[in-house]
C-alpha atoms as a PDB file:
ATOM      1  CA  MET A   1       0.366 -27.952  -7.425  1.00  0.00           C
ATOM      2  CA  SER A   2      -0.599 -24.720  -5.879  1.00  0.00           C
ATOM      3  CA  LEU A   3      -2.778 -23.197  -3.437  1.00  0.00           C
ATOM      4  CA  PRO A   4      -6.257 -22.833  -5.021  1.00  0.00           C
ATOM      5  CA  GLU A   5      -7.348 -19.601  -6.723  1.00  0.00           C
ATOM      6  CA  PRO A   6      -9.542 -16.943  -4.462  1.00  0.00           C
ATOM      7  CA  PHE A   7     -13.080 -16.085  -4.973  1.00  0.00           C
ATOM      8  CA  PRO A   8     -13.182 -13.871  -8.120  1.00  0.00           C
ATOM      9  CA  GLU A   9     -13.229 -10.017  -7.441  1.00  0.00           C
ATOM     10  CA  ASN A  10     -17.052  -9.480  -6.812  1.00  0.00           C
ATOM     11  CA  HIS A  11     -17.321 -12.338  -4.652  1.00  0.00           C
ATOM     12  CA  ALA A  12     -19.181 -11.317  -1.369  1.00  0.00           C
ATOM     13  CA  PHE A  13     -16.536 -10.715   1.247  1.00  0.00           C
ATOM     14  CA  LEU A  14     -17.378  -8.391   4.449  1.00  0.00           C
ATOM     15  CA  PRO A  15     -20.913  -7.215   4.606  1.00  0.00           C
ATOM     16  CA  PRO A  16     -21.887  -4.729   1.692  1.00  0.00           C
ATOM     17  CA  ASP A  17     -22.279  -1.812   4.182  1.00  0.00           C
ATOM     18  CA  THR A  18     -18.781  -2.467   6.209  1.00  0.00           C
ATOM     19  CA  PHE A  19     -17.892   1.459   4.955  1.00  0.00           C
ATOM     20  CA  LYS A  20     -21.230   2.787   4.488  1.00  0.00           C
ATOM     21  CA  ASP A  21     -19.803   5.647   7.003  1.00  0.00           C
ATOM     22  CA  ASP A  22     -16.687   5.571   6.102  1.00  0.00           C
ATOM     23  CA  VAL A  23     -14.220   8.117   4.095  1.00  0.00           C
ATOM     24  CA  ILE A  24     -11.351   6.183   2.323  1.00  0.00           C
ATOM     25  CA  LEU A  25      -7.996   7.976   1.274  1.00  0.00           C
ATOM     26  CA  VAL A  26      -6.112   5.948  -0.549  1.00  0.00           C
ATOM     27  CA  THR A  27      -2.699   7.726  -1.640  1.00  0.00           C
ATOM     28  CA  GLY A  28      -1.277   6.210  -5.253  1.00  0.00           C
ATOM     29  CA  GLY A  29      -4.945   4.998  -5.626  1.00  0.00           C
ATOM     30  CA  GLY A  30      -5.503   5.506  -9.398  1.00  0.00           C
ATOM     31  CA  THR A  31      -3.247   2.640 -10.249  1.00  0.00           C
ATOM     32  CA  GLY A  32      -2.520  -1.101  -9.962  1.00  0.00           C
ATOM     33  CA  LEU A  33      -2.711  -2.200  -5.914  1.00  0.00           C
ATOM     34  CA  GLY A  34      -3.188   1.020  -5.120  1.00  0.00           C
ATOM     35  CA  LYS A  35      -6.578   1.111  -7.213  1.00  0.00           C
ATOM     36  CA  ALA A  36      -7.181  -2.531  -6.481  1.00  0.00           C
ATOM     37  CA  MET A  37      -7.439  -1.620  -2.795  1.00  0.00           C
ATOM     38  CA  ALA A  38      -9.739   1.528  -3.726  1.00  0.00           C
ATOM     39  CA  LYS A  39     -11.905  -1.260  -5.810  1.00  0.00           C
ATOM     40  CA  GLY A  40     -12.127  -3.367  -2.445  1.00  0.00           C
ATOM     41  CA  PHE A  41     -13.366  -0.499  -0.159  1.00  0.00           C
ATOM     42  CA  ALA A  42     -15.804   0.846  -2.645  1.00  0.00           C
ATOM     43  CA  ARG A  43     -17.263  -2.566  -2.912  1.00  0.00           C
ATOM     44  CA  LEU A  44     -18.244  -2.295   0.392  1.00  0.00           C
ATOM     45  CA  GLY A  45     -19.687   1.217   0.876  1.00  0.00           C
ATOM     46  CA  GLY A  46     -17.066   3.053   1.386  1.00  0.00           C
ATOM     47  CA  ARG A  47     -16.801   6.570  -0.274  1.00  0.00           C
ATOM     48  CA  ILE A  48     -13.053   7.208  -2.258  1.00  0.00           C
ATOM     49  CA  ALA A  49     -10.343  10.037  -2.645  1.00  0.00           C
ATOM     50  CA  ILE A  50      -8.029   8.647  -5.011  1.00  0.00           C
ATOM     51  CA  ALA A  51      -4.710  11.087  -4.504  1.00  0.00           C
ATOM     52  CA  SER A  52      -2.286  11.397  -6.771  1.00  0.00           C
ATOM     53  CA  ARG A  53      -0.033  13.398  -8.036  1.00  0.00           C
ATOM     54  CA  SER A  54      -1.062  12.578 -11.588  1.00  0.00           C
ATOM     55  CA  THR A  55      -4.157  13.981 -13.228  1.00  0.00           C
ATOM     56  CA  GLU A  56      -4.504  10.541 -15.645  1.00  0.00           C
ATOM     57  CA  HIS A  57      -3.944   8.335 -12.281  1.00  0.00           C
ATOM     58  CA  ARG A  58      -6.624  10.135 -10.578  1.00  0.00           C
ATOM     59  CA  ASP A  59      -8.613  10.227 -13.215  1.00  0.00           C
ATOM     60  CA  ALA A  60      -8.274   6.305 -13.702  1.00  0.00           C
ATOM     61  CA  GLY A  61      -8.917   5.380  -9.950  1.00  0.00           C
ATOM     62  CA  VAL A  62     -12.245   6.835 -10.266  1.00  0.00           C
ATOM     63  CA  ALA A  63     -13.058   6.053 -12.930  1.00  0.00           C
ATOM     64  CA  ALA A  64     -12.438   2.446 -11.595  1.00  0.00           C
ATOM     65  CA  ILE A  65     -14.398   3.427  -8.384  1.00  0.00           C
ATOM     66  CA  GLU A  66     -17.578   4.575 -10.883  1.00  0.00           C
ATOM     67  CA  ALA A  67     -17.635   1.572 -12.964  1.00  0.00           C
ATOM     68  CA  LEU A  68     -18.494  -0.192  -9.719  1.00  0.00           C
ATOM     69  CA  GLY A  69     -21.464   2.557  -8.316  1.00  0.00           C
ATOM     70  CA  GLY A  70     -19.394   3.766  -5.885  1.00  0.00           C
ATOM     71  CA  GLN A  71     -18.203   7.358  -5.129  1.00  0.00           C
ATOM     72  CA  ALA A  72     -14.678   8.816  -5.674  1.00  0.00           C
ATOM     73  CA  ILE A  73     -13.128  11.770  -5.657  1.00  0.00           C
ATOM     74  CA  GLY A  74      -9.770  12.505  -7.391  1.00  0.00           C
ATOM     75  CA  VAL A  75      -7.546  15.042  -5.203  1.00  0.00           C
ATOM     76  CA  ALA A  76      -3.759  16.302  -6.444  1.00  0.00           C
ATOM     77  CA  LEU A  77      -1.277  15.326  -3.689  1.00  0.00           C
ATOM     78  CA  ASP A  78       2.235  15.595  -2.852  1.00  0.00           C
ATOM     79  CA  ILE A  79       2.449  13.671  -0.121  1.00  0.00           C
ATOM     80  CA  ARG A  80       5.893  15.244   0.691  1.00  0.00           C
ATOM     81  CA  ASP A  81       5.200  18.729   1.466  1.00  0.00           C
ATOM     82  CA  PRO A  82       2.422  18.633   4.653  1.00  0.00           C
ATOM     83  CA  GLU A  83       1.012  21.484   3.347  1.00  0.00           C
ATOM     84  CA  ASN A  84      -0.554  20.212   0.767  1.00  0.00           C
ATOM     85  CA  VAL A  85      -1.229  17.098   2.756  1.00  0.00           C
ATOM     86  CA  ALA A  86      -3.627  19.585   4.743  1.00  0.00           C
ATOM     87  CA  ALA A  87      -5.307  21.348   1.938  1.00  0.00           C
ATOM     88  CA  ALA A  88      -6.066  17.932   0.358  1.00  0.00           C
ATOM     89  CA  PHE A  89      -7.804  16.753   3.488  1.00  0.00           C
ATOM     90  CA  ASP A  90      -9.728  20.102   3.790  1.00  0.00           C
ATOM     91  CA  GLU A  91     -10.495  19.253   0.037  1.00  0.00           C
ATOM     92  CA  ILE A  92     -11.654  15.374   0.488  1.00  0.00           C
ATOM     93  CA  GLU A  93     -13.411  16.710   3.618  1.00  0.00           C
ATOM     94  CA  SER A  94     -15.417  19.496   1.729  1.00  0.00           C
ATOM     95  CA  LYS A  95     -16.660  16.823  -0.773  1.00  0.00           C
ATOM     96  CA  LEU A  96     -16.640  13.592   0.767  1.00  0.00           C
ATOM     97  CA  GLY A  97     -16.343  14.032   4.554  1.00  0.00           C
ATOM     98  CA  PRO A  98     -13.984  13.852   7.040  1.00  0.00           C
ATOM     99  CA  VAL A  99     -11.360  10.892   6.560  1.00  0.00           C
ATOM    100  CA  THR A 100     -12.363   7.859   8.221  1.00  0.00           C
ATOM    101  CA  VAL A 101      -9.496   5.547   6.600  1.00  0.00           C
ATOM    102  CA  LEU A 102      -6.436   6.010   5.086  1.00  0.00           C
ATOM    103  CA  VAL A 103      -4.079   4.006   3.187  1.00  0.00           C
ATOM    104  CA  ASN A 104      -0.720   4.634   2.274  1.00  0.00           C
ATOM    105  CA  ASN A 105      -0.315   3.242  -0.457  1.00  0.00           C
ATOM    106  CA  ALA A 106       1.812   5.787  -2.424  1.00  0.00           C
ATOM    107  CA  ALA A 107       5.718   4.652  -3.018  1.00  0.00           C
ATOM    108  CA  GLY A 108       8.947   5.405  -5.125  1.00  0.00           C
ATOM    109  CA  ARG A 109      11.321   2.535  -5.746  1.00  0.00           C
ATOM    110  CA  PHE A 110      14.447   2.405  -8.214  1.00  0.00           C
ATOM    111  CA  MET A 111      16.887  -0.599  -8.231  1.00  0.00           C
ATOM    112  CA  ALA A 112      20.487   0.636  -7.984  1.00  0.00           C
ATOM    113  CA  PRO A 113      23.280  -0.644  -5.973  1.00  0.00           C
ATOM    114  CA  ALA A 114      23.879   1.904  -3.128  1.00  0.00           C
ATOM    115  CA  GLU A 115      27.059   3.664  -4.011  1.00  0.00           C
ATOM    116  CA  ASP A 116      25.254   4.493  -7.421  1.00  0.00           C
ATOM    117  CA  ILE A 117      22.126   6.233  -5.693  1.00  0.00           C
ATOM    118  CA  THR A 118      22.620   9.482  -5.639  1.00  0.00           C
ATOM    119  CA  PRO A 119      21.130  12.102  -2.759  1.00  0.00           C
ATOM    120  CA  ASN A 120      18.431  12.937  -5.110  1.00  0.00           C
ATOM    121  CA  GLY A 121      17.944   9.545  -5.643  1.00  0.00           C
ATOM    122  CA  TRP A 122      17.679   8.324  -1.850  1.00  0.00           C
ATOM    123  CA  ARG A 123      15.504  11.656  -0.991  1.00  0.00           C
ATOM    124  CA  ALA A 124      12.944  10.668  -3.838  1.00  0.00           C
ATOM    125  CA  VAL A 125      12.114   7.071  -2.403  1.00  0.00           C
ATOM    126  CA  THR A 126      12.538   8.263   0.986  1.00  0.00           C
ATOM    127  CA  GLN A 127      10.998  11.368   1.018  1.00  0.00           C
ATOM    128  CA  ILE A 128       7.918   9.988  -0.440  1.00  0.00           C
ATOM    129  CA  VAL A 129       8.085   6.462   1.429  1.00  0.00           C
ATOM    130  CA  MET A 130       8.691   7.619   4.877  1.00  0.00           C
ATOM    131  CA  ASP A 131       8.297  11.085   5.250  1.00  0.00           C
ATOM    132  CA  GLY A 132       5.297  11.261   2.509  1.00  0.00           C
ATOM    133  CA  THR A 133       3.633   7.883   4.999  1.00  0.00           C
ATOM    134  CA  PHE A 134       4.341  10.083   8.400  1.00  0.00           C
ATOM    135  CA  PHE A 135       2.666  13.275   7.237  1.00  0.00           C
ATOM    136  CA  CYS A 136      -0.329  11.570   5.924  1.00  0.00           C
ATOM    137  CA  ALA A 137      -1.037   9.585   9.228  1.00  0.00           C
ATOM    138  CA  GLN A 138      -0.067  12.355  11.502  1.00  0.00           C
ATOM    139  CA  GLU A 139      -2.576  14.404   9.748  1.00  0.00           C
ATOM    140  CA  PHE A 140      -5.075  12.262   9.829  1.00  0.00           C
ATOM    141  CA  HIS A 141      -4.840  11.445  13.303  1.00  0.00           C
ATOM    142  CA  LYS A 142      -5.173  15.429  14.036  1.00  0.00           C
ATOM    143  CA  ARG A 143      -8.529  15.522  12.622  1.00  0.00           C
ATOM    144  CA  ARG A 144      -9.584  12.113  13.868  1.00  0.00           C
ATOM    145  CA  LEU A 145      -8.792  13.835  17.508  1.00  0.00           C
ATOM    146  CA  ALA A 146     -10.262  17.050  17.170  1.00  0.00           C
ATOM    147  CA  ALA A 147     -13.595  15.230  15.979  1.00  0.00           C
ATOM    148  CA  ASP A 148     -13.008  12.730  18.614  1.00  0.00           C
ATOM    149  CA  GLY A 149     -13.662   9.782  16.031  1.00  0.00           C
ATOM    150  CA  GLN A 150     -11.980   6.354  15.565  1.00  0.00           C
ATOM    151  CA  GLY A 151      -9.992   5.878  12.502  1.00  0.00           C
ATOM    152  CA  ALA A 152      -7.969   3.456  11.094  1.00  0.00           C
ATOM    153  CA  ILE A 153      -4.509   3.731   8.799  1.00  0.00           C
ATOM    154  CA  LEU A 154      -3.088   1.143   6.622  1.00  0.00           C
ATOM    155  CA  ASN A 155       0.335   1.251   5.472  1.00  0.00           C
ATOM    156  CA  ILE A 156       2.570  -0.175   2.645  1.00  0.00           C
ATOM    157  CA  GLY A 157       5.686  -2.249   3.937  1.00  0.00           C
ATOM    158  CA  ALA A 158       7.244  -4.846   1.858  1.00  0.00           C
ATOM    159  CA  THR A 159       9.698  -8.049   3.437  1.00  0.00           C
ATOM    160  CA  PHE A 160      12.528  -6.703   2.648  1.00  0.00           C
ATOM    161  CA  ALA A 161      12.197  -3.858   5.119  1.00  0.00           C
ATOM    162  CA  TRP A 162      13.516  -7.303   6.817  1.00  0.00           C
ATOM    163  CA  THR A 163      16.092  -9.031   5.130  1.00  0.00           C
ATOM    164  CA  GLY A 164      17.640  -6.034   3.295  1.00  0.00           C
ATOM    165  CA  GLY A 165      17.162  -5.579  -0.687  1.00  0.00           C
ATOM    166  CA  PRO A 166      20.034  -5.733  -2.306  1.00  0.00           C
ATOM    167  CA  GLY A 167      19.692  -2.344  -5.069  1.00  0.00           C
ATOM    168  CA  SER A 168      17.411  -1.223  -3.046  1.00  0.00           C
ATOM    169  CA  ALA A 169      19.061   0.250   0.394  1.00  0.00           C
ATOM    170  CA  HIS A 170      16.918   3.705  -0.134  1.00  0.00           C
ATOM    171  CA  SER A 171      13.615   1.208  -0.207  1.00  0.00           C
ATOM    172  CA  ALA A 172      14.812  -1.383   1.846  1.00  0.00           C
ATOM    173  CA  ALA A 173      15.138   1.566   4.618  1.00  0.00           C
ATOM    174  CA  ALA A 174      12.293   3.172   3.872  1.00  0.00           C
ATOM    175  CA  LYS A 175       9.929   0.359   4.399  1.00  0.00           C
ATOM    176  CA  ALA A 176      11.480  -0.474   7.493  1.00  0.00           C
ATOM    177  CA  ALA A 177      11.220   2.717   8.891  1.00  0.00           C
ATOM    178  CA  VAL A 178       7.324   2.626   8.030  1.00  0.00           C
ATOM    179  CA  ASN A 179       7.541  -0.908   9.841  1.00  0.00           C
ATOM    180  CA  SER A 180       8.498   0.726  12.654  1.00  0.00           C
ATOM    181  CA  LEU A 181       6.392   3.878  12.850  1.00  0.00           C
ATOM    182  CA  THR A 182       3.402   1.492  11.991  1.00  0.00           C
ATOM    183  CA  GLN A 183       4.637  -0.029  15.881  1.00  0.00           C
ATOM    184  CA  THR A 184       5.079   2.994  17.579  1.00  0.00           C
ATOM    185  CA  LEU A 185       2.096   4.529  16.558  1.00  0.00           C
ATOM    186  CA  ALA A 186      -0.018   1.844  17.458  1.00  0.00           C
ATOM    187  CA  VAL A 187       1.341   2.079  20.782  1.00  0.00           C
ATOM    188  CA  GLU A 188       0.873   5.855  20.924  1.00  0.00           C
ATOM    189  CA  TRP A 189      -2.838   6.519  18.967  1.00  0.00           C
ATOM    190  CA  ALA A 190      -4.619   3.410  20.366  1.00  0.00           C
ATOM    191  CA  VAL A 191      -5.879   5.732  23.384  1.00  0.00           C
ATOM    192  CA  ASP A 192      -7.256   8.253  20.449  1.00  0.00           C
ATOM    193  CA  GLN A 193      -9.226   5.265  18.887  1.00  0.00           C
ATOM    194  CA  ILE A 194      -6.461   5.159  16.472  1.00  0.00           C
ATOM    195  CA  ARG A 195      -5.481   1.621  14.911  1.00  0.00           C
ATOM    196  CA  ILE A 196      -2.478   1.681  12.119  1.00  0.00           C
ATOM    197  CA  ASN A 197      -1.031  -1.691  10.735  1.00  0.00           C
ATOM    198  CA  THR A 198       0.743  -2.581   7.841  1.00  0.00           C
ATOM    199  CA  ILE A 199       0.334  -5.063   4.665  1.00  0.00           C
ATOM    200  CA  ALA A 200       3.404  -6.521   3.016  1.00  0.00           C
ATOM    201  CA  PRO A 201       2.036  -7.703  -0.821  1.00  0.00           C
ATOM    202  CA  GLY A 202       4.022 -10.594  -2.623  1.00  0.00           C
ATOM    203  CA  VAL A 203       3.897 -10.691  -6.572  1.00  0.00           C
ATOM    204  CA  PHE A 204       0.764  -9.671  -7.612  1.00  0.00           C
ATOM    205  CA  PRO A 205       0.902  -8.618 -10.841  1.00  0.00           C
ATOM    206  CA  HIS A 206      -1.273  -5.811 -12.676  1.00  0.00           C
ATOM    207  CA  GLU A 207      -1.796  -4.153 -15.731  1.00  0.00           C
ATOM    208  CA  ASP A 208       0.169  -0.985 -14.289  1.00  0.00           C
ATOM    209  CA  THR A 209       3.126  -2.450 -13.811  1.00  0.00           C
ATOM    210  CA  VAL A 210       6.223  -0.512 -14.611  1.00  0.00           C
ATOM    211  CA  ALA A 211       8.130  -2.004 -17.598  1.00  0.00           C
ATOM    212  CA  HIS A 212      11.298  -3.273 -16.593  1.00  0.00           C
ATOM    213  CA  MET A 213       8.973  -5.971 -14.270  1.00  0.00           C
ATOM    214  CA  LYS A 214       6.789  -6.939 -16.498  1.00  0.00           C
ATOM    215  CA  GLY A 215       9.223  -9.778 -17.338  1.00  0.00           C
ATOM    216  CA  SER A 216       9.933 -10.948 -13.311  1.00  0.00           C
ATOM    217  CA  TRP A 217       6.301 -10.954 -12.921  1.00  0.00           C
ATOM    218  CA  SER A 218       5.386 -12.988 -15.291  1.00  0.00           C
ATOM    219  CA  THR A 219       3.571 -16.221 -15.252  1.00  0.00           C
ATOM    220  CA  ASP A 220       6.445 -18.183 -14.943  1.00  0.00           C
ATOM    221  CA  ARG A 221       6.898 -16.469 -11.733  1.00  0.00           C
ATOM    222  CA  GLY A 222       4.467 -18.592  -9.770  1.00  0.00           C
ATOM    223  CA  ARG A 223       7.115 -21.788  -9.746  1.00  0.00           C
ATOM    224  CA  GLN A 224       9.328 -19.633  -7.568  1.00  0.00           C
ATOM    225  CA  ILE A 225       6.998 -19.162  -4.765  1.00  0.00           C
ATOM    226  CA  PRO A 226       5.724 -22.129  -2.728  1.00  0.00           C
ATOM    227  CA  ALA A 227       2.281 -21.293  -3.226  1.00  0.00           C
ATOM    228  CA  GLY A 228       2.137 -21.932  -6.625  1.00  0.00           C
ATOM    229  CA  ARG A 229       0.766 -19.052  -8.401  1.00  0.00           C
ATOM    230  CA  VAL A 230       1.173 -15.415  -7.691  1.00  0.00           C
ATOM    231  CA  GLY A 231      -1.402 -13.287  -5.962  1.00  0.00           C
ATOM    232  CA  ARG A 232      -4.244 -12.023  -7.175  1.00  0.00           C
ATOM    233  CA  LEU A 233      -5.318  -8.567  -6.636  1.00  0.00           C
ATOM    234  CA  GLN A 234      -8.586  -9.469  -4.863  1.00  0.00           C
ATOM    235  CA  GLU A 235      -6.725 -11.357  -2.222  1.00  0.00           C
ATOM    236  CA  LEU A 236      -4.784  -7.855  -1.465  1.00  0.00           C
ATOM    237  CA  ALA A 237      -8.240  -5.973  -1.627  1.00  0.00           C
ATOM    238  CA  TRP A 238      -9.557  -8.286   0.743  1.00  0.00           C
ATOM    239  CA  ALA A 239      -6.592  -8.261   3.275  1.00  0.00           C
ATOM    240  CA  ALA A 240      -6.305  -4.650   3.415  1.00  0.00           C
ATOM    241  CA  CYS A 241     -10.125  -4.330   4.173  1.00  0.00           C
ATOM    242  CA  PHE A 242     -10.324  -6.792   6.726  1.00  0.00           C
ATOM    243  CA  LEU A 243      -7.680  -4.995   8.426  1.00  0.00           C
ATOM    244  CA  CYS A 244      -9.516  -1.523   7.872  1.00  0.00           C
ATOM    245  CA  SER A 245     -12.693  -2.732   9.371  1.00  0.00           C
ATOM    246  CA  PRO A 246     -14.519  -2.913  12.257  1.00  0.00           C
ATOM    247  CA  PHE A 247     -13.903  -7.073  12.308  1.00  0.00           C
ATOM    248  CA  ALA A 248      -9.847  -5.668  13.055  1.00  0.00           C
ATOM    249  CA  SER A 249     -11.181  -3.643  16.311  1.00  0.00           C
ATOM    250  CA  TYR A 250      -8.296  -5.258  18.203  1.00  0.00           C
ATOM    251  CA  ILE A 251      -5.886  -5.861  15.804  1.00  0.00           C
ATOM    252  CA  THR A 252      -3.260  -2.666  15.945  1.00  0.00           C
ATOM    253  CA  GLY A 253       0.727  -2.166  15.136  1.00  0.00           C
ATOM    254  CA  HIS A 254       1.022  -5.719  13.115  1.00  0.00           C
ATOM    255  CA  THR A 255       2.375  -6.031  10.084  1.00  0.00           C
ATOM    256  CA  LEU A 256       0.646  -8.660   7.673  1.00  0.00           C
ATOM    257  CA  VAL A 257       2.661 -10.442   4.657  1.00  0.00           C
ATOM    258  CA  VAL A 258       0.651 -11.110   1.953  1.00  0.00           C
ATOM    259  CA  ASP A 259       2.804 -13.114  -0.194  1.00  0.00           C
ATOM    260  CA  GLY A 260       2.374 -16.937  -0.432  1.00  0.00           C
ATOM    261  CA  ALA A 261       4.643 -17.518   2.146  1.00  0.00           C
ATOM    262  CA  ASN A 262       7.529 -16.434  -0.374  1.00  0.00           C
ATOM    263  CA  TRP A 263       9.744 -14.214   1.585  1.00  0.00           C
ATOM    264  CA  LEU A 264      10.237 -17.189   3.840  1.00  0.00           C
ATOM    265  CA  ARG A 265      11.605 -19.314   1.003  1.00  0.00           C
ATOM    266  CA  HIS A 266      14.994 -16.867   0.851  1.00  0.00           C
ATOM    267  CA  ARG A 267      15.669 -17.835   4.289  1.00  0.00           C
ATOM    268  CA  ALA A 268      15.970 -21.307   3.471  1.00  0.00           C
ATOM    269  CA  SER A 269      18.399 -23.610   1.071  1.00  0.00           C
ATOM    270  CA  ALA A 270      15.913 -23.168  -1.410  1.00  0.00           C
ATOM    271  CA  ALA A 271      16.899 -19.873  -2.546  1.00  0.00           C
ATOM    272  CA  PRO A 272      17.899 -18.783  -5.848  1.00  0.00           C
ATOM    273  CA  ASP A 273      21.941 -18.886  -6.671  1.00  0.00           C
ATOM    274  CA  PHE A 274      23.821 -15.642  -5.498  1.00  0.00           C
ATOM    275  CA  ILE A 275      24.024 -12.740  -7.679  1.00  0.00           C
ATOM    276  CA  PRO A 276      26.157  -9.546  -6.357  1.00  0.00           C
ATOM    277  CA  VAL A 277      23.870  -6.321  -6.903  1.00  0.00           C
ATOM    278  CA  ARG A 278      27.003  -5.040  -9.072  1.00  0.00           C
ATOM    279  CA  GLU A 279      26.537  -8.310 -11.317  1.00  0.00           C
ATOM    280  CA  TRP A 280      23.176  -8.025 -11.615  1.00  0.00           C
ATOM    281  CA  ALA A 281      23.014  -4.121 -12.352  1.00  0.00           C
ATOM    282  CA  ARG A 282      25.235  -4.453 -15.597  1.00  0.00           C
ATOM    283  CA  GLN A 283      23.174  -7.619 -16.601  1.00  0.00           C
ATOM    284  CA  LYS A 284      20.344  -5.153 -16.584  1.00  0.00           C
ATOM    285  CA  LYS A 285      21.944  -2.405 -18.893  1.00  0.00           C
END
């Protein structure tokens, strides 16, 4: 038995005009989970800015929104560079209007034992996940404060920020920083009408899944999850849209786990046999 399947992707969720006055910036919004969330906001009337360093990814995200009848633009953005972040916000404002919702989705990750992570490898992950999230949030806050307008930020976390992630020392540390940042900024910026929350996704297979993870994200993965199945992209999109909507107006500083209780399983006796990360890495080669 498993948890029941969700409504289909196009099923009515929040009122269709929930984000009609909003411009939503989704970093890394051209593929995977970012694209799924961007589509969710578009279905609810939002104008979408798809930000990525990749032209191909930007075009894919814009095409997905336009296929729904929504409005979207692609914006070149390297979130590691504060000046580039400011320029991207300028471009979005000139074409769509001021950004009122920010989804810090862009991320970087690769698996490696801690002793094998080079300084460049460490920075490749932490500068995107930690630094980029902060730079985008800071720019967003500055502009909303100047406009005397409210806003919502959604960060993307991970449950291994709490448990640690063997093979992911850099990514786990950066995601832990994101959780802490969410809590700190929620306290600091509530007086400025800015809410900020984090969502921690579980297993959500999609067509953009990177090659080295496709095997572990097969349909058999559902047997390892208490819910009895993997997540569906619309379930993540619904959670994201709710947290950024006026219907979550008193929720800030929260991390919402959307994973079918999977991370809790790994704290219990039913967890799989332990494999040292070095052995795991050798098996993958």
